[in-house]
Amino acid sequence: NASAKFKKSARTVGDVLGKYHPHGDSACYEAMVLMAQPFSYRYPLVDGQGNWGAPDDPKSFAAMRYT
């Protein structure tokens, strides 16, 4: 839903880990970061709020608890 409130990344990553991928959270979060960066994919798949990195340093995104 486009009008829904934003959710914390930690909540989304926790749900994915609990249901589908019971390993480390860093791979899941980095995949979500790539989906939110407007310069990584042709069309962003995640509507992110917060620091998701910069085109000159894509790994400069904020920690999961801040996004």
N, C-alpha and C. Protein backbone atom coordinates (compact mmCIF):
# COMPACT_ATOMS: atom_id res chain seq x y z
N ASN A 1 0.84 -1.17 0.00
CA ASN A 1 0.00 0.00 0.00
C ASN A 1 0.89 1.24 0.00
N ALA A 2 0.71 2.12 -0.95
CA ALA A 2 1.57 3.30 -1.08
C ALA A 2 1.34 4.32 0.02
N SER A 3 0.19 4.32 0.65
CA SER A 3 -0.10 5.30 1.70
C SER A 3 0.22 4.78 3.10
N ALA A 4 0.73 3.59 3.21
CA ALA A 4 1.05 3.01 4.53
C ALA A 4 2.28 3.67 5.12
N LYS A 5 2.39 3.60 6.44
CA LYS A 5 3.56 4.15 7.12
C LYS A 5 4.79 3.31 6.78
N PHE A 6 5.97 3.94 6.90
CA PHE A 6 7.21 3.21 6.70
C PHE A 6 7.43 2.26 7.87
N LYS A 7 8.11 1.13 7.60
CA LYS A 7 8.49 0.17 8.64
C LYS A 7 10.00 0.22 8.81
N LYS A 8 10.47 -0.09 9.98
CA LYS A 8 11.91 -0.15 10.22
C LYS A 8 12.48 -1.34 9.45
N SER A 9 13.69 -1.15 8.95
CA SER A 9 14.35 -2.22 8.19
C SER A 9 14.56 -3.45 9.05
N ALA A 10 14.85 -3.24 10.33
CA ALA A 10 15.08 -4.38 11.22
C ALA A 10 13.84 -5.26 11.30
N ARG A 11 12.66 -4.67 11.25
CA ARG A 11 11.42 -5.45 11.29
C ARG A 11 11.28 -6.31 10.03
N THR A 12 11.53 -5.70 8.89
CA THR A 12 11.41 -6.43 7.62
C THR A 12 12.45 -7.54 7.53
N VAL A 13 13.69 -7.24 7.89
CA VAL A 13 14.75 -8.25 7.85
C VAL A 13 14.44 -9.38 8.83
N GLY A 14 13.94 -9.04 10.01
CA GLY A 14 13.57 -10.07 10.98
C GLY A 14 12.48 -10.98 10.47
N ASP A 15 11.48 -10.41 9.81
CA ASP A 15 10.41 -11.23 9.24
C ASP A 15 10.94 -12.17 8.16
N VAL A 16 11.82 -11.67 7.31
CA VAL A 16 12.39 -12.51 6.24
C VAL A 16 13.25 -13.61 6.84
N LEU A 17 14.07 -13.28 7.83
CA LEU A 17 14.91 -14.30 8.46
C LEU A 17 14.06 -15.36 9.14
N GLY A 18 13.00 -14.93 9.80
CA GLY A 18 12.14 -15.88 10.51
C GLY A 18 11.38 -16.81 9.59
N LYS A 19 11.00 -16.31 8.41
CA LYS A 19 10.16 -17.11 7.52
C LYS A 19 10.94 -17.87 6.45
N TYR A 20 12.02 -17.25 5.92
CA TYR A 20 12.63 -17.81 4.72
C TYR A 20 14.12 -18.10 4.79
N HIS A 21 14.88 -17.33 5.55
CA HIS A 21 16.34 -17.39 5.45
C HIS A 21 16.95 -17.34 6.84
N PRO A 22 17.03 -18.45 7.56
CA PRO A 22 17.47 -18.43 8.97
C PRO A 22 18.99 -18.36 9.14
N HIS A 23 19.63 -17.44 8.44
CA HIS A 23 21.08 -17.27 8.57
C HIS A 23 21.36 -15.83 8.97
N GLY A 24 22.50 -15.30 8.62
CA GLY A 24 22.87 -13.95 9.03
C GLY A 24 21.99 -12.87 8.42
N ASP A 25 21.84 -11.78 9.17
CA ASP A 25 20.97 -10.70 8.71
C ASP A 25 21.66 -9.74 7.74
N SER A 26 22.98 -9.74 7.68
CA SER A 26 23.68 -8.76 6.84
C SER A 26 23.40 -8.97 5.36
N ALA A 27 23.35 -10.20 4.90
CA ALA A 27 23.07 -10.46 3.48
C ALA A 27 21.66 -10.02 3.12
N CYS A 28 20.73 -10.26 3.99
CA CYS A 28 19.34 -9.87 3.74
C CYS A 28 19.21 -8.35 3.70
N TYR A 29 19.85 -7.67 4.65
CA TYR A 29 19.77 -6.21 4.70
C TYR A 29 20.46 -5.58 3.49
N GLU A 30 21.62 -6.10 3.11
CA GLU A 30 22.32 -5.55 1.94
C GLU A 30 21.52 -5.75 0.66
N ALA A 31 20.82 -6.86 0.55
CA ALA A 31 19.96 -7.07 -0.62
C ALA A 31 18.83 -6.05 -0.64
N MET A 32 18.27 -5.76 0.54
CA MET A 32 17.20 -4.77 0.61
C MET A 32 17.74 -3.38 0.30
N VAL A 33 18.96 -3.08 0.74
CA VAL A 33 19.58 -1.78 0.43
C VAL A 33 19.72 -1.62 -1.07
N LEU A 34 20.20 -2.65 -1.75
CA LEU A 34 20.33 -2.58 -3.21
C LEU A 34 18.98 -2.32 -3.88
N MET A 35 17.92 -2.92 -3.34
CA MET A 35 16.60 -2.71 -3.92
C MET A 35 16.07 -1.31 -3.66
N ALA A 36 16.58 -0.62 -2.63
CA ALA A 36 16.11 0.73 -2.31
C ALA A 36 16.95 1.82 -2.96
N GLN A 37 18.16 1.50 -3.40
CA GLN A 37 19.03 2.51 -4.00
C GLN A 37 18.56 2.82 -5.42
N PRO A 38 18.25 4.08 -5.70
CA PRO A 38 17.76 4.42 -7.05
C PRO A 38 18.83 4.30 -8.13
N PHE A 39 20.08 4.16 -7.75
CA PHE A 39 21.17 4.07 -8.73
C PHE A 39 21.66 2.64 -8.92
N SER A 40 21.11 1.68 -8.18
CA SER A 40 21.56 0.29 -8.31
C SER A 40 20.75 -0.49 -9.35
N TYR A 41 19.45 -0.33 -9.30
CA TYR A 41 18.57 -0.99 -10.26
C TYR A 41 17.95 0.07 -11.17
N ARG A 42 17.44 -0.36 -12.28
CA ARG A 42 16.77 0.58 -13.18
C ARG A 42 15.56 1.20 -12.50
N TYR A 43 14.80 0.39 -11.78
CA TYR A 43 13.65 0.87 -11.03
C TYR A 43 13.79 0.38 -9.60
N PRO A 44 13.81 1.29 -8.60
CA PRO A 44 13.90 0.84 -7.20
C PRO A 44 12.69 -0.03 -6.84
N LEU A 45 12.96 -1.10 -6.13
CA LEU A 45 11.90 -2.03 -5.73
C LEU A 45 11.41 -1.78 -4.32
N VAL A 46 12.18 -1.01 -3.54
CA VAL A 46 11.83 -0.69 -2.16
C VAL A 46 11.80 0.83 -2.03
N ASP A 47 10.75 1.36 -1.43
CA ASP A 47 10.65 2.80 -1.18
C ASP A 47 11.29 3.07 0.18
N GLY A 48 12.55 3.42 0.16
CA GLY A 48 13.31 3.56 1.40
C GLY A 48 13.24 4.96 1.98
N GLN A 49 13.35 5.02 3.30
CA GLN A 49 13.41 6.28 4.02
C GLN A 49 14.67 6.27 4.86
N GLY A 50 15.53 7.26 4.69
CA GLY A 50 16.77 7.32 5.44
C GLY A 50 17.98 7.26 4.52
N ASN A 51 19.13 6.94 5.08
CA ASN A 51 20.40 6.92 4.35
C ASN A 51 20.60 5.55 3.72
N TRP A 52 20.43 5.47 2.41
CA TRP A 52 20.59 4.21 1.68
C TRP A 52 21.85 4.19 0.85
N GLY A 53 22.78 5.11 1.11
CA GLY A 53 24.04 5.12 0.38
C GLY A 53 24.06 6.19 -0.69
N ALA A 54 25.21 6.35 -1.33
CA ALA A 54 25.40 7.36 -2.37
C ALA A 54 25.97 6.69 -3.61
N PRO A 55 25.75 7.28 -4.78
CA PRO A 55 26.26 6.67 -6.01
C PRO A 55 27.78 6.50 -6.03
N ASP A 56 28.51 7.43 -5.39
CA ASP A 56 29.97 7.31 -5.40
C ASP A 56 30.48 6.33 -4.35
N ASP A 57 29.65 5.97 -3.37
CA ASP A 57 30.02 4.98 -2.36
C ASP A 57 28.77 4.20 -1.96
N PRO A 58 28.36 3.20 -2.75
CA PRO A 58 27.12 2.49 -2.48
C PRO A 58 27.10 1.73 -1.15
N LYS A 59 28.27 1.44 -0.58
CA LYS A 59 28.32 0.72 0.70
C LYS A 59 28.26 1.67 1.89
N SER A 60 27.95 2.95 1.67
CA SER A 60 27.92 3.93 2.75
C SER A 60 26.55 4.05 3.40
N PHE A 61 25.71 3.05 3.24
CA PHE A 61 24.36 3.11 3.80
C PHE A 61 24.40 3.02 5.33
N ALA A 62 23.34 3.52 5.95
CA ALA A 62 23.24 3.52 7.40
C ALA A 62 22.97 2.12 7.93
N ALA A 63 23.19 1.95 9.21
CA ALA A 63 22.92 0.66 9.86
C ALA A 63 21.42 0.37 9.82
N MET A 64 21.08 -0.88 9.95
CA MET A 64 19.70 -1.33 9.85
C MET A 64 18.79 -0.61 10.85
N ARG A 65 19.29 -0.29 12.02
CA ARG A 65 18.44 0.33 13.04
C ARG A 65 18.07 1.78 12.72
N TYR A 66 18.74 2.40 11.74
CA TYR A 66 18.47 3.79 11.38
C TYR A 66 17.61 3.94 10.14
N THR A 67 17.37 2.87 9.41
CA THR A 67 16.61 3.00 8.16
C THR A 67 15.28 2.29 8.27
